[in-house]
Amino acid sequence: MIIAVISVALCLIAVTIHEVSHGFVAYKLGDETAKNMGRLTLNPLAHIDPVGTLIVPIGLALIGSPVSFGWAKPVPINFQNLHHPKQDMIWIALAGPIANLLLALGLSLLLQTRVIAEINIEGNPVIFLAMLINLLLAIFNLIPIPPLDGARIVIGLLPPKQAYGYSQLERYGFIIVFALLYLGIVEKVILPVILKIMGILYSSRA
């Protein structure tokens, strides 16, 4: 139960930073929708999705899943307010994963400080779990399946006609995403990539 609570707390922090980053970049590029709706805040209560932020992470932790995963309420974005909608869509989509990658990197650098330089992964299950969750959130969201961030990037790169056709996949997006989870794609493909990245981060430790 303690692991479940810690996992949910870390997941909540990760998805909050993820969504705020989307909204902040959108704001800087001309869209104030998220700001006006009070979503540019690090208060997790403003971003909680009952299913994605609570039920799914708790359920995964209780069944002993090797990964913790979840999502928050997407920040509202009005692409018509952006200065360059197609180009700006790419930067907004990248903002969330980049924020999580930077957070994971920051945690890795924290372990290199003199204060806790002697602490290893085994002695830091919370830091290890936090890095794992942030890397998982970043890498998984880069999968090019709507409504994930990777699909937004693809849509921003495609010509208008092809972009519109690709965006229509969003109606089936969550079905595809949950199918990937059910088939173990996270454990078989994404988790090894994440662990490889973590190995690289830890290999530079003093």
N, C-alpha and C. Protein backbone atom coordinates (compact mmCIF):
# COMPACT_ATOMS: atom_id res chain seq x y z
N MET A 1 0.83 -1.21 0.00
CA MET A 1 0.00 0.00 0.00
C MET A 1 0.86 1.26 0.00
N ILE A 2 1.99 1.21 0.76
CA ILE A 2 2.88 2.37 0.81
C ILE A 2 3.44 2.67 -0.57
N ILE A 3 3.84 1.60 -1.29
CA ILE A 3 4.38 1.76 -2.63
C ILE A 3 3.33 2.37 -3.55
N ALA A 4 2.07 1.93 -3.38
CA ALA A 4 0.98 2.46 -4.20
C ALA A 4 0.80 3.95 -3.96
N VAL A 5 0.85 4.36 -2.70
CA VAL A 5 0.68 5.78 -2.36
C VAL A 5 1.83 6.61 -2.93
N ILE A 6 3.05 6.10 -2.77
CA ILE A 6 4.22 6.81 -3.29
C ILE A 6 4.15 6.91 -4.81
N SER A 7 3.77 5.81 -5.46
CA SER A 7 3.68 5.80 -6.92
C SER A 7 2.66 6.81 -7.42
N VAL A 8 1.51 6.87 -6.76
CA VAL A 8 0.47 7.82 -7.16
C VAL A 8 0.95 9.26 -6.96
N ALA A 9 1.62 9.51 -5.83
CA ALA A 9 2.13 10.86 -5.55
C ALA A 9 3.15 11.29 -6.60
N LEU A 10 4.07 10.39 -6.93
CA LEU A 10 5.09 10.70 -7.93
C LEU A 10 4.48 10.87 -9.31
N CYS A 11 3.51 10.03 -9.62
CA CYS A 11 2.82 10.12 -10.91
C CYS A 11 2.08 11.44 -11.01
N LEU A 12 1.45 11.85 -9.92
CA LEU A 12 0.70 13.11 -9.89
C LEU A 12 1.63 14.29 -10.14
N ILE A 13 2.80 14.27 -9.53
CA ILE A 13 3.78 15.34 -9.74
C ILE A 13 4.24 15.36 -11.19
N ALA A 14 4.52 14.17 -11.74
CA ALA A 14 5.03 14.08 -13.10
C ALA A 14 4.01 14.57 -14.13
N VAL A 15 2.75 14.14 -13.99
CA VAL A 15 1.74 14.54 -14.98
C VAL A 15 1.38 16.01 -14.82
N THR A 16 1.47 16.53 -13.60
CA THR A 16 1.21 17.96 -13.38
C THR A 16 2.25 18.80 -14.12
N ILE A 17 3.51 18.46 -13.94
CA ILE A 17 4.59 19.19 -14.64
C ILE A 17 4.44 19.03 -16.14
N HIS A 18 4.06 17.85 -16.58
CA HIS A 18 3.86 17.57 -18.01
C HIS A 18 2.81 18.50 -18.60
N GLU A 19 1.65 18.57 -17.96
CA GLU A 19 0.54 19.37 -18.49
C GLU A 19 0.82 20.87 -18.38
N VAL A 20 1.39 21.30 -17.27
CA VAL A 20 1.71 22.72 -17.10
C VAL A 20 2.70 23.17 -18.18
N SER A 21 3.63 22.30 -18.54
CA SER A 21 4.60 22.63 -19.59
C SER A 21 3.91 22.84 -20.92
N HIS A 22 2.94 21.97 -21.26
CA HIS A 22 2.16 22.18 -22.48
C HIS A 22 1.50 23.56 -22.45
N GLY A 23 0.82 23.86 -21.36
CA GLY A 23 0.08 25.11 -21.25
C GLY A 23 0.98 26.33 -21.25
N PHE A 24 2.14 26.22 -20.60
CA PHE A 24 3.06 27.35 -20.53
C PHE A 24 3.61 27.70 -21.91
N VAL A 25 4.01 26.67 -22.67
CA VAL A 25 4.53 26.92 -24.02
C VAL A 25 3.44 27.48 -24.92
N ALA A 26 2.22 26.96 -24.78
CA ALA A 26 1.10 27.49 -25.56
C ALA A 26 0.88 28.96 -25.23
N TYR A 27 0.98 29.30 -23.96
CA TYR A 27 0.82 30.69 -23.52
C TYR A 27 1.89 31.58 -24.15
N LYS A 28 3.13 31.10 -24.15
CA LYS A 28 4.22 31.87 -24.72
C LYS A 28 4.07 32.03 -26.24
N LEU A 29 3.35 31.09 -26.86
CA LEU A 29 3.17 31.14 -28.31
C LEU A 29 1.86 31.80 -28.73
N GLY A 30 1.16 32.38 -27.77
CA GLY A 30 -0.01 33.19 -28.12
C GLY A 30 -1.35 32.74 -27.61
N ASP A 31 -1.44 31.54 -27.02
CA ASP A 31 -2.74 31.06 -26.55
C ASP A 31 -2.82 31.15 -25.03
N GLU A 32 -3.73 31.96 -24.52
CA GLU A 32 -3.88 32.16 -23.09
C GLU A 32 -5.00 31.32 -22.47
N THR A 33 -5.52 30.35 -23.22
CA THR A 33 -6.65 29.55 -22.75
C THR A 33 -6.34 28.86 -21.43
N ALA A 34 -5.23 28.16 -21.36
CA ALA A 34 -4.86 27.44 -20.14
C ALA A 34 -4.66 28.40 -18.98
N LYS A 35 -4.03 29.53 -19.24
CA LYS A 35 -3.79 30.52 -18.20
C LYS A 35 -5.12 31.07 -17.67
N ASN A 36 -6.02 31.38 -18.57
CA ASN A 36 -7.31 31.96 -18.16
C ASN A 36 -8.18 30.96 -17.40
N MET A 37 -7.93 29.67 -17.60
CA MET A 37 -8.70 28.64 -16.92
C MET A 37 -8.00 28.13 -15.66
N GLY A 38 -6.93 28.81 -15.27
CA GLY A 38 -6.24 28.45 -14.04
C GLY A 38 -5.44 27.17 -14.11
N ARG A 39 -5.02 26.77 -15.31
CA ARG A 39 -4.29 25.52 -15.46
C ARG A 39 -2.77 25.70 -15.49
N LEU A 40 -2.31 26.94 -15.45
CA LEU A 40 -0.86 27.15 -15.38
C LEU A 40 -0.43 27.22 -13.92
N THR A 41 -0.74 26.17 -13.20
CA THR A 41 -0.41 26.08 -11.78
C THR A 41 0.16 24.71 -11.48
N LEU A 42 1.08 24.66 -10.53
CA LEU A 42 1.65 23.39 -10.11
C LEU A 42 0.83 22.73 -9.01
N ASN A 43 -0.33 23.30 -8.72
CA ASN A 43 -1.25 22.67 -7.77
C ASN A 43 -1.87 21.44 -8.44
N PRO A 44 -1.53 20.24 -7.99
CA PRO A 44 -2.03 19.02 -8.65
C PRO A 44 -3.55 18.93 -8.72
N LEU A 45 -4.25 19.56 -7.78
CA LEU A 45 -5.71 19.46 -7.75
C LEU A 45 -6.34 20.04 -9.02
N ALA A 46 -5.63 20.96 -9.68
CA ALA A 46 -6.17 21.58 -10.89
C ALA A 46 -6.04 20.67 -12.10
N HIS A 47 -5.29 19.57 -11.96
CA HIS A 47 -5.00 18.72 -13.12
C HIS A 47 -5.47 17.28 -12.95
N ILE A 48 -6.07 16.96 -11.82
CA ILE A 48 -6.43 15.57 -11.54
C ILE A 48 -7.54 15.07 -12.45
N ASP A 49 -7.29 13.91 -13.03
CA ASP A 49 -8.31 13.16 -13.75
C ASP A 49 -8.58 11.92 -12.89
N PRO A 50 -9.80 11.72 -12.42
CA PRO A 50 -10.07 10.62 -11.47
C PRO A 50 -9.57 9.27 -11.95
N VAL A 51 -9.75 8.98 -13.23
CA VAL A 51 -9.33 7.68 -13.76
C VAL A 51 -7.82 7.66 -13.99
N GLY A 52 -7.32 8.60 -14.79
CA GLY A 52 -5.92 8.58 -15.19
C GLY A 52 -4.94 8.93 -14.11
N THR A 53 -5.33 9.79 -13.16
CA THR A 53 -4.40 10.25 -12.14
C THR A 53 -4.49 9.41 -10.87
N LEU A 54 -5.60 8.75 -10.64
CA LEU A 54 -5.78 8.01 -9.39
C LEU A 54 -6.01 6.51 -9.62
N ILE A 55 -7.08 6.16 -10.31
CA ILE A 55 -7.48 4.76 -10.42
C ILE A 55 -6.44 3.92 -11.15
N VAL A 56 -5.97 4.40 -12.31
CA VAL A 56 -5.01 3.61 -13.09
C VAL A 56 -3.68 3.43 -12.36
N PRO A 57 -3.04 4.50 -11.86
CA PRO A 57 -1.77 4.29 -11.13
C PRO A 57 -1.93 3.42 -9.89
N ILE A 58 -3.02 3.62 -9.13
CA ILE A 58 -3.23 2.80 -7.93
C ILE A 58 -3.44 1.34 -8.32
N GLY A 59 -4.23 1.12 -9.37
CA GLY A 59 -4.48 -0.25 -9.82
C GLY A 59 -3.21 -0.95 -10.26
N LEU A 60 -2.37 -0.24 -11.02
CA LEU A 60 -1.11 -0.83 -11.49
C LEU A 60 -0.19 -1.16 -10.31
N ALA A 61 -0.16 -0.26 -9.32
CA ALA A 61 0.69 -0.50 -8.15
C ALA A 61 0.18 -1.70 -7.35
N LEU A 62 -1.13 -1.82 -7.20
CA LEU A 62 -1.70 -2.90 -6.39
C LEU A 62 -1.52 -4.28 -7.03
N ILE A 63 -1.49 -4.31 -8.37
CA ILE A 63 -1.31 -5.61 -9.05
C ILE A 63 0.18 -5.94 -9.25
N GLY A 64 1.04 -5.06 -8.75
CA GLY A 64 2.47 -5.33 -8.84
C GLY A 64 3.06 -5.06 -10.20
N SER A 65 2.47 -4.13 -10.97
CA SER A 65 2.99 -3.81 -12.29
C SER A 65 4.41 -3.28 -12.18
N PRO A 66 5.30 -3.65 -13.11
CA PRO A 66 6.68 -3.15 -13.06
C PRO A 66 6.78 -1.67 -13.41
N VAL A 67 5.70 -1.08 -13.93
CA VAL A 67 5.71 0.34 -14.28
C VAL A 67 4.48 1.01 -13.68
N SER A 68 4.61 2.30 -13.43
CA SER A 68 3.47 3.10 -12.99
C SER A 68 3.15 4.07 -14.10
N PHE A 69 1.88 4.22 -14.43
CA PHE A 69 1.49 5.04 -15.56
C PHE A 69 0.19 5.75 -15.27
N GLY A 70 0.02 6.94 -15.83
CA GLY A 70 -1.22 7.66 -15.63
C GLY A 70 -1.25 8.92 -16.46
N TRP A 71 -2.30 9.69 -16.31
CA TRP A 71 -2.40 10.94 -17.06
C TRP A 71 -3.26 11.94 -16.28
N ALA A 72 -3.15 13.18 -16.65
CA ALA A 72 -3.95 14.23 -16.04
C ALA A 72 -4.94 14.77 -17.06
N LYS A 73 -5.78 15.69 -16.62
CA LYS A 73 -6.68 16.34 -17.57
C LYS A 73 -5.82 17.15 -18.55
N PRO A 74 -6.00 16.95 -19.85
CA PRO A 74 -5.22 17.73 -20.82
C PRO A 74 -5.49 19.22 -20.65
N VAL A 75 -4.44 20.02 -20.75
CA VAL A 75 -4.66 21.46 -20.68
C VAL A 75 -5.38 21.92 -21.95
N PRO A 76 -6.34 22.83 -21.81
CA PRO A 76 -7.07 23.30 -23.00
C PRO A 76 -6.20 24.22 -23.84
N ILE A 77 -6.18 23.96 -25.13
CA ILE A 77 -5.39 24.77 -26.06
C ILE A 77 -6.25 25.12 -27.27
N ASN A 78 -6.31 26.40 -27.59
CA ASN A 78 -7.02 26.86 -28.78
C ASN A 78 -5.97 27.18 -29.83
N PHE A 79 -5.80 26.26 -30.77
CA PHE A 79 -4.74 26.41 -31.76
C PHE A 79 -4.94 27.62 -32.66
N GLN A 80 -6.15 28.13 -32.75
CA GLN A 80 -6.41 29.31 -33.56
C GLN A 80 -5.76 30.56 -32.98
N ASN A 81 -5.43 30.51 -31.70
CA ASN A 81 -4.79 31.66 -31.06
C ASN A 81 -3.28 31.68 -31.24
N LEU A 82 -2.73 30.59 -31.73
CA LEU A 82 -1.27 30.50 -31.87
C LEU A 82 -0.79 31.32 -33.06
N HIS A 83 0.43 31.81 -32.97
CA HIS A 83 0.99 32.63 -34.05
C HIS A 83 1.19 31.81 -35.31
N HIS A 84 1.69 30.60 -35.16
CA HIS A 84 1.93 29.69 -36.30
C HIS A 84 1.41 28.31 -35.89
N PRO A 85 0.10 28.07 -36.03
CA PRO A 85 -0.54 26.86 -35.45
C PRO A 85 0.17 25.54 -35.71
N LYS A 86 0.50 25.22 -36.97
CA LYS A 86 1.10 23.91 -37.25
C LYS A 86 2.48 23.78 -36.65
N GLN A 87 3.29 24.83 -36.79
CA GLN A 87 4.64 24.79 -36.22
C GLN A 87 4.59 24.82 -34.70
N ASP A 88 3.73 25.67 -34.15
CA ASP A 88 3.65 25.80 -32.70
C ASP A 88 3.11 24.54 -32.04
N MET A 89 2.26 23.80 -32.76
CA MET A 89 1.73 22.54 -32.23
C MET A 89 2.86 21.58 -31.89
N ILE A 90 3.90 21.58 -32.69
CA ILE A 90 5.03 20.68 -32.46
C ILE A 90 5.74 21.03 -31.15
N TRP A 91 5.98 22.33 -30.95
CA TRP A 91 6.68 22.76 -29.74
C TRP A 91 5.84 22.52 -28.49
N ILE A 92 4.54 22.75 -28.61
CA ILE A 92 3.65 22.51 -27.46
C ILE A 92 3.64 21.03 -27.11
N ALA A 93 3.58 20.18 -28.13
CA ALA A 93 3.56 18.74 -27.89
C ALA A 93 4.87 18.26 -27.27
N LEU A 94 5.99 18.82 -27.72
CA LEU A 94 7.30 18.43 -27.20
C LEU A 94 7.52 18.89 -25.76
N ALA A 95 6.84 19.96 -25.37
CA ALA A 95 7.09 20.56 -24.06
C ALA A 95 6.89 19.59 -22.92
N GLY A 96 5.81 18.81 -22.95
CA GLY A 96 5.53 17.87 -21.87
C GLY A 96 6.61 16.81 -21.70
N PRO A 97 6.91 16.04 -22.77
CA PRO A 97 7.97 15.02 -22.66
C PRO A 97 9.33 15.61 -22.28
N ILE A 98 9.66 16.78 -22.84
CA ILE A 98 10.94 17.39 -22.51
C ILE A 98 11.01 17.75 -21.03
N ALA A 99 9.91 18.25 -20.49
CA ALA A 99 9.87 18.60 -19.06
C ALA A 99 10.12 17.37 -18.20
N ASN A 100 9.50 16.24 -18.56
CA ASN A 100 9.70 15.01 -17.79
C ASN A 100 11.13 14.48 -17.93
N LEU A 101 11.69 14.59 -19.14
CA LEU A 101 13.08 14.17 -19.34
C LEU A 101 14.03 15.03 -18.52
N LEU A 102 13.78 16.33 -18.48
CA LEU A 102 14.63 17.23 -17.70
C LEU A 102 14.51 16.94 -16.21
N LEU A 103 13.30 16.59 -15.77
CA LEU A 103 13.11 16.26 -14.36
C LEU A 103 13.89 14.99 -14.00
N ALA A 104 13.84 14.00 -14.89
CA ALA A 104 14.60 12.76 -14.66
C ALA A 104 16.10 13.06 -14.64
N LEU A 105 16.54 13.91 -15.54
CA LEU A 105 17.95 14.30 -15.57
C LEU A 105 18.33 15.04 -14.29
N GLY A 106 17.44 15.91 -13.83
CA GLY A 106 17.70 16.64 -12.59
C GLY A 106 17.84 15.71 -11.40
N LEU A 107 16.99 14.68 -11.35
CA LEU A 107 17.09 13.71 -10.26
C LEU A 107 18.41 12.95 -10.33
N SER A 108 18.85 12.66 -11.57
CA SER A 108 20.13 11.99 -11.74
C SER A 108 21.28 12.87 -11.26
N LEU A 109 21.21 14.16 -11.60
CA LEU A 109 22.24 15.09 -11.16
C LEU A 109 22.23 15.25 -9.65
N LEU A 110 21.03 15.16 -9.07
CA LEU A 110 20.91 15.27 -7.61
C LEU A 110 21.72 14.17 -6.93
N LEU A 111 21.70 12.99 -7.51
CA LEU A 111 22.43 11.87 -6.94
C LEU A 111 23.95 12.06 -7.07
N GLN A 112 24.36 13.00 -7.90
CA GLN A 112 25.79 13.23 -8.09
C GLN A 112 26.33 14.32 -7.16
N THR A 113 25.44 14.96 -6.41
CA THR A 113 25.91 16.00 -5.51
C THR A 113 26.70 15.39 -4.36
N ARG A 114 27.54 16.17 -3.75
CA ARG A 114 28.37 15.66 -2.66
C ARG A 114 27.54 15.22 -1.46
N VAL A 115 26.38 15.84 -1.32
CA VAL A 115 25.55 15.54 -0.15
C VAL A 115 25.13 14.09 -0.14
N ILE A 116 24.76 13.56 -1.32
CA ILE A 116 24.29 12.18 -1.36
C ILE A 116 25.05 11.38 -2.42
N ALA A 117 26.31 11.71 -2.60
CA ALA A 117 27.09 11.08 -3.64
C ALA A 117 27.26 9.58 -3.44
N GLU A 118 27.18 9.12 -2.18
CA GLU A 118 27.41 7.71 -1.91
C GLU A 118 26.14 6.87 -2.00
N ILE A 119 25.00 7.51 -2.25
CA ILE A 119 23.74 6.77 -2.28
C ILE A 119 23.55 6.14 -3.64
N ASN A 120 23.19 4.87 -3.68
CA ASN A 120 23.00 4.19 -4.95
C ASN A 120 21.52 3.97 -5.22
N ILE A 121 21.21 3.34 -6.36
CA ILE A 121 19.82 3.13 -6.74
C ILE A 121 19.07 2.34 -5.67
N GLU A 122 19.70 1.28 -5.18
CA GLU A 122 19.03 0.43 -4.20
C GLU A 122 18.66 1.21 -2.94
N GLY A 123 19.47 2.21 -2.60
CA GLY A 123 19.21 2.99 -1.41
C GLY A 123 18.25 4.14 -1.64
N ASN A 124 17.83 4.30 -2.88
CA ASN A 124 16.95 5.41 -3.23
C ASN A 124 15.77 4.92 -4.07
N PRO A 125 14.93 4.06 -3.52
CA PRO A 125 13.81 3.54 -4.32
C PRO A 125 12.86 4.64 -4.76
N VAL A 126 12.71 5.70 -3.96
CA VAL A 126 11.80 6.78 -4.34
C VAL A 126 12.36 7.56 -5.53
N ILE A 127 13.66 7.88 -5.48
CA ILE A 127 14.28 8.60 -6.58
C ILE A 127 14.29 7.73 -7.83
N PHE A 128 14.58 6.46 -7.66
CA PHE A 128 14.56 5.53 -8.78
C PHE A 128 13.17 5.48 -9.41
N LEU A 129 12.14 5.39 -8.57
CA LEU A 129 10.77 5.32 -9.05
C LEU A 129 10.36 6.62 -9.73
N ALA A 130 10.79 7.75 -9.18
CA ALA A 130 10.48 9.05 -9.77
C ALA A 130 11.11 9.18 -11.16
N MET A 131 12.34 8.76 -11.29
CA MET A 131 13.01 8.79 -12.60
C MET A 131 12.29 7.88 -13.58
N LEU A 132 11.92 6.69 -13.11
CA LEU A 132 11.24 5.72 -13.97
C LEU A 132 9.91 6.27 -14.47
N ILE A 133 9.13 6.88 -13.58
CA ILE A 133 7.82 7.42 -13.95
C ILE A 133 7.97 8.56 -14.95
N ASN A 134 8.91 9.45 -14.72
CA ASN A 134 9.09 10.59 -15.63
C ASN A 134 9.59 10.15 -17.00
N LEU A 135 10.50 9.20 -17.02
CA LEU A 135 10.98 8.69 -18.31
C LEU A 135 9.87 7.94 -19.04
N LEU A 136 9.09 7.17 -18.29
CA LEU A 136 7.98 6.44 -18.90
C LEU A 136 6.97 7.41 -19.50
N LEU A 137 6.63 8.45 -18.75
CA LEU A 137 5.66 9.43 -19.23
C LEU A 137 6.18 10.13 -20.48
N ALA A 138 7.47 10.45 -20.50
CA ALA A 138 8.06 11.13 -21.65
C ALA A 138 8.09 10.23 -22.88
N ILE A 139 8.65 9.04 -22.73
CA ILE A 139 8.82 8.14 -23.87
C ILE A 139 7.48 7.64 -24.39
N PHE A 140 6.59 7.24 -23.49
CA PHE A 140 5.29 6.72 -23.93
C PHE A 140 4.50 7.78 -24.69
N ASN A 141 4.57 9.03 -24.22
CA ASN A 141 3.83 10.10 -24.88
C ASN A 141 4.38 10.44 -26.25
N LEU A 142 5.58 10.01 -26.56
CA LEU A 142 6.16 10.27 -27.87
C LEU A 142 5.73 9.24 -28.91
N ILE A 143 4.98 8.21 -28.49
CA ILE A 143 4.41 7.27 -29.45
C ILE A 143 3.44 8.03 -30.35
N PRO A 144 3.54 7.90 -31.68
CA PRO A 144 2.70 8.69 -32.59
C PRO A 144 1.28 8.17 -32.75
N ILE A 145 0.57 8.05 -31.65
CA ILE A 145 -0.83 7.61 -31.68
C ILE A 145 -1.67 8.69 -31.00
N PRO A 146 -2.64 9.27 -31.73
CA PRO A 146 -3.51 10.26 -31.07
C PRO A 146 -4.22 9.63 -29.88
N PRO A 147 -4.39 10.32 -28.76
CA PRO A 147 -4.07 11.73 -28.54
C PRO A 147 -2.72 11.97 -27.89
N LEU A 148 -1.77 11.05 -28.02
CA LEU A 148 -0.46 11.22 -27.40
C LEU A 148 0.32 12.33 -28.09
N ASP A 149 1.33 12.85 -27.39
CA ASP A 149 2.08 13.98 -27.91
C ASP A 149 2.80 13.66 -29.21
N GLY A 150 3.24 12.43 -29.36
CA GLY A 150 3.92 12.04 -30.58
C GLY A 150 3.05 12.24 -31.81
N ALA A 151 1.75 12.00 -31.66
CA ALA A 151 0.84 12.20 -32.78
C ALA A 151 0.70 13.68 -33.11
N ARG A 152 0.70 14.54 -32.10
CA ARG A 152 0.63 15.98 -32.33
C ARG A 152 1.84 16.45 -33.14
N ILE A 153 2.99 15.87 -32.83
CA ILE A 153 4.20 16.22 -33.56
C ILE A 153 4.08 15.81 -35.02
N VAL A 154 3.60 14.58 -35.25
CA VAL A 154 3.42 14.09 -36.61
C VAL A 154 2.43 14.96 -37.38
N ILE A 155 1.32 15.30 -36.74
CA ILE A 155 0.30 16.13 -37.38
C ILE A 155 0.88 17.50 -37.75
N GLY A 156 1.73 18.03 -36.88
CA GLY A 156 2.34 19.32 -37.17
C GLY A 156 3.32 19.27 -38.33
N LEU A 157 3.87 18.09 -38.59
CA LEU A 157 4.85 17.93 -39.67
C LEU A 157 4.21 17.59 -41.02
N LEU A 158 3.04 16.97 -40.98
CA LEU A 158 2.38 16.52 -42.22
C LEU A 158 1.72 17.68 -42.97
N PRO A 159 1.56 17.55 -44.29
CA PRO A 159 0.78 18.53 -45.06
C PRO A 159 -0.67 18.53 -44.55
N PRO A 160 -1.41 19.62 -44.74
CA PRO A 160 -2.76 19.76 -44.17
C PRO A 160 -3.69 18.57 -44.43
N LYS A 161 -3.76 18.09 -45.64
CA LYS A 161 -4.68 17.01 -45.96
C LYS A 161 -4.33 15.74 -45.19
N GLN A 162 -3.06 15.36 -45.23
CA GLN A 162 -2.62 14.17 -44.52
C GLN A 162 -2.73 14.34 -43.00
N ALA A 163 -2.47 15.58 -42.54
CA ALA A 163 -2.57 15.85 -41.11
C ALA A 163 -4.00 15.67 -40.63
N TYR A 164 -4.96 16.13 -41.41
CA TYR A 164 -6.37 15.98 -41.03
C TYR A 164 -6.75 14.50 -40.98
N GLY A 165 -6.34 13.74 -41.98
CA GLY A 165 -6.65 12.31 -42.00
C GLY A 165 -6.04 11.59 -40.81
N TYR A 166 -4.81 11.94 -40.48
CA TYR A 166 -4.13 11.30 -39.35
C TYR A 166 -4.82 11.65 -38.03
N SER A 167 -5.28 12.89 -37.93
CA SER A 167 -5.93 13.32 -36.68
C SER A 167 -7.22 12.57 -36.42
N GLN A 168 -7.83 12.03 -37.47
CA GLN A 168 -9.09 11.31 -37.31
C GLN A 168 -8.91 10.00 -36.55
N LEU A 169 -7.66 9.56 -36.41
CA LEU A 169 -7.39 8.33 -35.65
C LEU A 169 -7.66 8.52 -34.17
N GLU A 170 -7.82 9.78 -33.75
CA GLU A 170 -7.96 10.06 -32.33
C GLU A 170 -9.19 9.39 -31.73
N ARG A 171 -10.22 9.19 -32.53
CA ARG A 171 -11.43 8.54 -32.02
C ARG A 171 -11.14 7.10 -31.58
N TYR A 172 -10.07 6.51 -32.14
CA TYR A 172 -9.69 5.15 -31.76
C TYR A 172 -8.43 5.15 -30.88
N GLY A 173 -7.94 6.34 -30.56
CA GLY A 173 -6.64 6.44 -29.90
C GLY A 173 -6.53 5.69 -28.60
N PHE A 174 -7.49 5.90 -27.68
CA PHE A 174 -7.39 5.25 -26.38
C PHE A 174 -7.56 3.74 -26.49
N ILE A 175 -8.33 3.29 -27.46
CA ILE A 175 -8.46 1.84 -27.68
C ILE A 175 -7.10 1.26 -28.06
N ILE A 176 -6.41 1.96 -28.97
CA ILE A 176 -5.09 1.50 -29.40
C ILE A 176 -4.10 1.54 -28.25
N VAL A 177 -4.14 2.63 -27.48
CA VAL A 177 -3.20 2.79 -26.34
C VAL A 177 -3.40 1.67 -25.33
N PHE A 178 -4.65 1.40 -24.95
CA PHE A 178 -4.90 0.35 -23.97
C PHE A 178 -4.58 -1.04 -24.53
N ALA A 179 -4.74 -1.20 -25.85
CA ALA A 179 -4.35 -2.46 -26.48
C ALA A 179 -2.84 -2.66 -26.35
N LEU A 180 -2.09 -1.59 -26.55
CA LEU A 180 -0.64 -1.68 -26.40
C LEU A 180 -0.24 -2.04 -24.97
N LEU A 181 -0.96 -1.44 -24.02
CA LEU A 181 -0.69 -1.76 -22.61
C LEU A 181 -1.03 -3.21 -22.31
N TYR A 182 -2.17 -3.66 -22.83
CA TYR A 182 -2.62 -5.03 -22.58
C TYR A 182 -1.65 -6.05 -23.19
N LEU A 183 -1.12 -5.71 -24.37
CA LEU A 183 -0.20 -6.63 -25.05
C LEU A 183 1.22 -6.59 -24.47
N GLY A 184 1.41 -5.72 -23.49
CA GLY A 184 2.72 -5.68 -22.83
C GLY A 184 3.79 -4.91 -23.58
N ILE A 185 3.36 -4.01 -24.47
CA ILE A 185 4.34 -3.24 -25.23
C ILE A 185 5.22 -2.40 -24.31
N VAL A 186 4.62 -1.88 -23.24
CA VAL A 186 5.39 -1.06 -22.30
C VAL A 186 6.52 -1.88 -21.69
N GLU A 187 6.19 -3.07 -21.19
CA GLU A 187 7.20 -3.91 -20.54
C GLU A 187 8.22 -4.45 -21.55
N LYS A 188 7.77 -4.80 -22.76
CA LYS A 188 8.64 -5.46 -23.72
C LYS A 188 9.49 -4.51 -24.55
N VAL A 189 8.99 -3.32 -24.82
CA VAL A 189 9.69 -2.40 -25.71
C VAL A 189 10.12 -1.12 -25.00
N ILE A 190 9.16 -0.45 -24.37
CA ILE A 190 9.44 0.87 -23.80
C ILE A 190 10.27 0.78 -22.53
N LEU A 191 9.95 -0.15 -21.63
CA LEU A 191 10.68 -0.27 -20.37
C LEU A 191 12.17 -0.54 -20.59
N PRO A 192 12.56 -1.45 -21.51
CA PRO A 192 14.00 -1.65 -21.75
C PRO A 192 14.69 -0.38 -22.24
N VAL A 193 13.99 0.42 -23.06
CA VAL A 193 14.57 1.69 -23.53
C VAL A 193 14.78 2.63 -22.35
N ILE A 194 13.78 2.69 -21.47
CA ILE A 194 13.86 3.57 -20.30
C ILE A 194 15.00 3.14 -19.39
N LEU A 195 15.11 1.85 -19.15
CA LEU A 195 16.19 1.35 -18.28
C LEU A 195 17.56 1.61 -18.90
N LYS A 196 17.62 1.57 -20.23
CA LYS A 196 18.88 1.88 -20.91
C LYS A 196 19.24 3.35 -20.68
N ILE A 197 18.24 4.23 -20.78
CA ILE A 197 18.47 5.66 -20.54
C ILE A 197 18.91 5.88 -19.10
N MET A 198 18.26 5.19 -18.16
CA MET A 198 18.62 5.33 -16.75
C MET A 198 20.05 4.84 -16.52
N GLY A 199 20.43 3.79 -17.23
CA GLY A 199 21.80 3.30 -17.12
C GLY A 199 22.81 4.35 -17.58
N ILE A 200 22.45 5.06 -18.67
CA ILE A 200 23.32 6.12 -19.17
C ILE A 200 23.41 7.26 -18.15
N LEU A 201 22.27 7.62 -17.56
CA LEU A 201 22.26 8.70 -16.58
C LEU A 201 23.12 8.35 -15.37
N TYR A 202 23.02 7.10 -14.91
CA TYR A 202 23.76 6.69 -13.72
C TYR A 202 25.23 6.42 -14.01
N SER A 203 25.56 6.15 -15.28
CA SER A 203 26.95 5.83 -15.60
C SER A 203 27.87 7.03 -15.43
N SER A 204 27.29 8.23 -15.43
CA SER A 204 28.10 9.44 -15.29
C SER A 204 28.28 9.85 -13.84
N ARG A 205 27.75 9.06 -12.92
CA ARG A 205 27.85 9.43 -11.50
C ARG A 205 29.29 9.38 -11.02
N ALA A 206 29.58 10.28 -10.11
CA ALA A 206 30.94 10.32 -9.55
C ALA A 206 31.14 9.17 -8.58
